[in-house]
C-alpha atoms as a PDB file:
ATOM      1  CA  MET A   1      -1.749  -1.565  20.795  1.00  0.00           C
ATOM      2  CA  SER A   2      -2.042  -5.404  19.070  1.00  0.00           C
ATOM      3  CA  ARG A   3       0.870  -7.366  18.672  1.00  0.00           C
ATOM      4  CA  GLU A   4      -0.698  -7.763  14.742  1.00  0.00           C
ATOM      5  CA  LEU A   5      -0.879  -3.934  15.311  1.00  0.00           C
ATOM      6  CA  ARG A   6       3.111  -3.581  15.955  1.00  0.00           C
ATOM      7  CA  VAL A   7       4.092  -5.681  13.304  1.00  0.00           C
ATOM      8  CA  ALA A   8       2.269  -4.461  10.830  1.00  0.00           C
ATOM      9  CA  ASP A   9       3.794  -0.926  11.625  1.00  0.00           C
ATOM     10  CA  PHE A  10       7.336  -2.586  11.957  1.00  0.00           C
ATOM     11  CA  VAL A  11       7.013  -4.173   8.409  1.00  0.00           C
ATOM     12  CA  ARG A  12       5.181  -0.872   7.023  1.00  0.00           C
ATOM     13  CA  ASP A  13       8.971   0.927   7.675  1.00  0.00           C
ATOM     14  CA  GLU A  14      11.128  -1.558   7.310  1.00  0.00           C
ATOM     15  CA  ILE A  15       9.230  -2.586   3.611  1.00  0.00           C
ATOM     16  CA  ALA A  16       9.422   1.321   2.948  1.00  0.00           C
ATOM     17  CA  LYS A  17      12.942   1.582   3.830  1.00  0.00           C
ATOM     18  CA  ILE A  18      13.771  -1.404   1.330  1.00  0.00           C
ATOM     19  CA  LEU A  19      12.030  -0.076  -1.552  1.00  0.00           C
ATOM     20  CA  GLN A  20      13.635   3.430  -0.797  1.00  0.00           C
ATOM     21  CA  THR A  21      16.992   2.563  -0.091  1.00  0.00           C
ATOM     22  CA  GLN A  22      18.136  -1.405  -1.506  1.00  0.00           C
ATOM     23  CA  MET A  23      15.907  -2.022  -4.641  1.00  0.00           C
ATOM     24  CA  ARG A  24      18.087  -1.980  -8.019  1.00  0.00           C
ATOM     25  CA  ASP A  25      15.144  -2.823  -9.890  1.00  0.00           C
ATOM     26  CA  PRO A  26      14.581  -0.494 -12.495  1.00  0.00           C
ATOM     27  CA  ARG A  27      10.507  -1.320 -13.192  1.00  0.00           C
ATOM     28  CA  VAL A  28      10.384  -0.448  -9.054  1.00  0.00           C
ATOM     29  CA  GLY A  29      10.780   3.256 -10.083  1.00  0.00           C
ATOM     30  CA  ALA A  30      11.941   5.523  -7.062  1.00  0.00           C
ATOM     31  CA  PHE A  31       8.201   6.978  -5.797  1.00  0.00           C
ATOM     32  CA  VAL A  32       6.796   3.809  -4.508  1.00  0.00           C
ATOM     33  CA  SER A  33       4.996   4.246  -1.338  1.00  0.00           C
ATOM     34  CA  VAL A  34       3.682   2.039   1.236  1.00  0.00           C
ATOM     35  CA  SER A  35       0.250   2.790   2.159  1.00  0.00           C
ATOM     36  CA  ASP A  36      -0.960   0.144   4.887  1.00  0.00           C
ATOM     37  CA  VAL A  37       0.203  -3.112   5.915  1.00  0.00           C
ATOM     38  CA  ARG A  38      -2.281  -6.229   7.622  1.00  0.00           C
ATOM     39  CA  VAL A  39      -0.260  -8.789   9.501  1.00  0.00           C
ATOM     40  CA  SER A  40      -3.005 -11.980  10.036  1.00  0.00           C
ATOM     41  CA  LYS A  41      -4.143 -13.197  13.043  1.00  0.00           C
ATOM     42  CA  ASP A  42      -0.879 -15.702  13.182  1.00  0.00           C
ATOM     43  CA  LEU A  43       1.321 -13.667  11.845  1.00  0.00           C
ATOM     44  CA  SER A  44       2.741 -15.872   8.601  1.00  0.00           C
ATOM     45  CA  TYR A  45       1.325 -13.007   6.047  1.00  0.00           C
ATOM     46  CA  ALA A  46       1.685  -9.490   5.652  1.00  0.00           C
ATOM     47  CA  GLU A  47      -0.484  -8.118   2.839  1.00  0.00           C
ATOM     48  CA  ILE A  48       1.459  -5.089   1.829  1.00  0.00           C
ATOM     49  CA  TYR A  49      -0.654  -2.638  -0.033  1.00  0.00           C
ATOM     50  CA  ILE A  50       1.481   0.398  -2.187  1.00  0.00           C
ATOM     51  CA  SER A  51       1.103   2.760  -4.936  1.00  0.00           C
ATOM     52  CA  ALA A  52       3.387   4.276  -7.431  1.00  0.00           C
ATOM     53  CA  LEU A  53       3.500   8.067  -9.398  1.00  0.00           C
ATOM     54  CA  GLU A  54       4.831   5.891 -12.581  1.00  0.00           C
ATOM     55  CA  ALA A  55       2.363   3.335 -12.188  1.00  0.00           C
ATOM     56  CA  ASP A  56      -0.292   5.220 -14.610  1.00  0.00           C
ATOM     57  CA  SER A  57      -1.151   2.282 -16.243  1.00  0.00           C
ATOM     58  CA  ALA A  58      -2.893  -1.403 -15.332  1.00  0.00           C
ATOM     59  CA  GLU A  59       0.168  -3.230 -16.841  1.00  0.00           C
ATOM     60  CA  LYS A  60       2.725  -0.938 -15.198  1.00  0.00           C
ATOM     61  CA  LYS A  61       0.245  -1.793 -11.727  1.00  0.00           C
ATOM     62  CA  GLN A  62       0.559  -5.212 -12.972  1.00  0.00           C
ATOM     63  CA  GLU A  63       4.329  -5.332 -13.812  1.00  0.00           C
ATOM     64  CA  LEU A  64       5.294  -3.509 -10.282  1.00  0.00           C
ATOM     65  CA  LEU A  65       3.187  -6.027  -8.423  1.00  0.00           C
ATOM     66  CA  ASP A  66       4.516  -8.835 -10.256  1.00  0.00           C
ATOM     67  CA  VAL A  67       8.780  -7.286  -9.852  1.00  0.00           C
ATOM     68  CA  LEU A  68       8.178  -6.632  -5.489  1.00  0.00           C
ATOM     69  CA  ASN A  69       5.869 -10.388  -5.322  1.00  0.00           C
ATOM     70  CA  ASN A  70       8.616 -11.956  -7.313  1.00  0.00           C
ATOM     71  CA  ALA A  71      10.807 -10.659  -4.657  1.00  0.00           C
ATOM     72  CA  ALA A  72       8.908 -11.145  -1.794  1.00  0.00           C
ATOM     73  CA  GLY A  73      11.352 -14.145  -0.128  1.00  0.00           C
ATOM     74  CA  PHE A  74      14.490 -10.906  -0.529  1.00  0.00           C
ATOM     75  CA  PHE A  75      11.759  -8.345   1.678  1.00  0.00           C
ATOM     76  CA  ARG A  76      10.748 -11.505   3.971  1.00  0.00           C
ATOM     77  CA  SER A  77      15.036 -12.347   4.720  1.00  0.00           C
ATOM     78  CA  GLU A  78      15.525  -8.611   4.730  1.00  0.00           C
ATOM     79  CA  LEU A  79      12.468  -8.597   7.323  1.00  0.00           C
ATOM     80  CA  ALA A  80      14.224 -11.257   9.451  1.00  0.00           C
ATOM     81  CA  LYS A  81      17.629  -9.335   9.424  1.00  0.00           C
ATOM     82  CA  GLN A  82      15.515  -6.507  10.993  1.00  0.00           C
ATOM     83  CA  HIS A  83      13.656  -8.251  14.324  1.00  0.00           C
ATOM     84  CA  LYS A  84      13.911 -10.823  17.019  1.00  0.00           C
ATOM     85  CA  MET A  85      10.494 -12.706  16.439  1.00  0.00           C
ATOM     86  CA  ARG A  86      10.326 -16.446  15.968  1.00  0.00           C
ATOM     87  CA  THR A  87       8.482 -16.276  12.180  1.00  0.00           C
ATOM     88  CA  THR A  88       8.858 -13.239   9.811  1.00  0.00           C
ATOM     89  CA  PRO A  89       5.525 -12.611   8.144  1.00  0.00           C
ATOM     90  CA  ARG A  90       5.406 -13.423   4.322  1.00  0.00           C
ATOM     91  CA  PRO A  91       4.616 -10.546   2.296  1.00  0.00           C
ATOM     92  CA  ARG A  92       1.858 -10.447  -0.458  1.00  0.00           C
ATOM     93  CA  PHE A  93       1.690  -7.064  -2.322  1.00  0.00           C
ATOM     94  CA  HIS A  94      -1.615  -5.505  -3.669  1.00  0.00           C
ATOM     95  CA  TYR A  95      -1.707  -2.319  -5.282  1.00  0.00           C
ATOM     96  CA  ASP A  96      -3.675   0.531  -3.331  1.00  0.00           C
ATOM     97  CA  GLU A  97      -6.427   1.965  -5.602  1.00  0.00           C
ATOM     98  CA  LEU A  98      -7.606   4.108  -2.636  1.00  0.00           C
ATOM     99  CA  LEU A  99      -5.208   6.411  -3.330  1.00  0.00           C
ATOM    100  CA  GLU A 100      -6.246   7.474  -6.980  1.00  0.00           C
ATOM    101  CA  SER A 101      -9.726   7.096  -6.567  1.00  0.00           C
ATOM    102  CA  GLY A 102      -9.706   9.128  -3.440  1.00  0.00           C
ATOM    103  CA  PRO A 103      -9.682  12.723  -4.915  1.00  0.00           C
ATOM    104  CA  ARG A 104     -12.805  11.297  -7.586  1.00  0.00           C
ATOM    105  CA  LEU A 105     -14.965  10.332  -4.872  1.00  0.00           C
ATOM    106  CA  GLU A 106     -14.491  14.254  -2.858  1.00  0.00           C
ATOM    107  CA  LYS A 107     -15.328  15.263  -6.367  1.00  0.00           C
ATOM    108  CA  LEU A 108     -18.604  13.530  -6.544  1.00  0.00           C
ATOM    109  CA  ILE A 109     -19.494  14.232  -2.819  1.00  0.00           C
ATOM    110  CA  ALA A 110     -18.761  17.578  -3.157  1.00  0.00           C
ATOM    111  CA  ASP A 111     -20.963  17.981  -6.636  1.00  0.00           C
ATOM    112  CA  ALA A 112     -23.886  16.392  -4.714  1.00  0.00           C
ATOM    113  CA  VAL A 113     -23.569  18.675  -1.859  1.00  0.00           C
ATOM    114  CA  ALA A 114     -23.776  21.675  -3.991  1.00  0.00           C
ATOM    115  CA  GLU A 115     -26.904  19.786  -5.946  1.00  0.00           C
ATOM    116  CA  ASP A 116     -28.753  19.375  -2.623  1.00  0.00           C
ATOM    117  CA  ALA A 117     -28.233  22.819  -1.749  1.00  0.00           C
ATOM    118  CA  THR A 118     -29.443  24.150  -4.978  1.00  0.00           C
ATOM    119  CA  ARG A 119     -32.454  21.569  -4.619  1.00  0.00           C
ATOM    120  CA  GLN A 120     -32.866  23.161  -0.975  1.00  0.00           C
ATOM    121  CA  ASP A 121     -32.929  27.085  -2.740  1.00  0.00           C
ATOM    122  CA  GLN A 122     -35.523  26.276  -5.181  1.00  0.00           C
ATOM    123  CA  ASN A 123     -37.502  24.271  -3.006  1.00  0.00           C
ATOM    124  CA  GLY A 124     -37.106  26.907  -0.277  1.00  0.00           C
END
């Protein structure tokens, strides 16, 4: 496993713990999950993809991202306490839209497959 992947796994686990146990801001909420982390080759940045059950509008998603990105220094210092690396990646939070669009895409695919099956039955 590459160093970037190991660091990304570490960052994902630690950020999830910090979100669950140490975040006191009520705008973050209890149901925020870390879906993916990608670390740059030089380990200077960690792109963190999150989703939240309470973020049901674009405004709430943006507010959540603003809160988390404003607390990036806090996250970085907490990460630095948990490892022995020379540098700690600077976190940048993004909202992961894939979790919400996944079921919609599955339905579109299922509808297309059903439509193809109907056409084949009519032509065959």
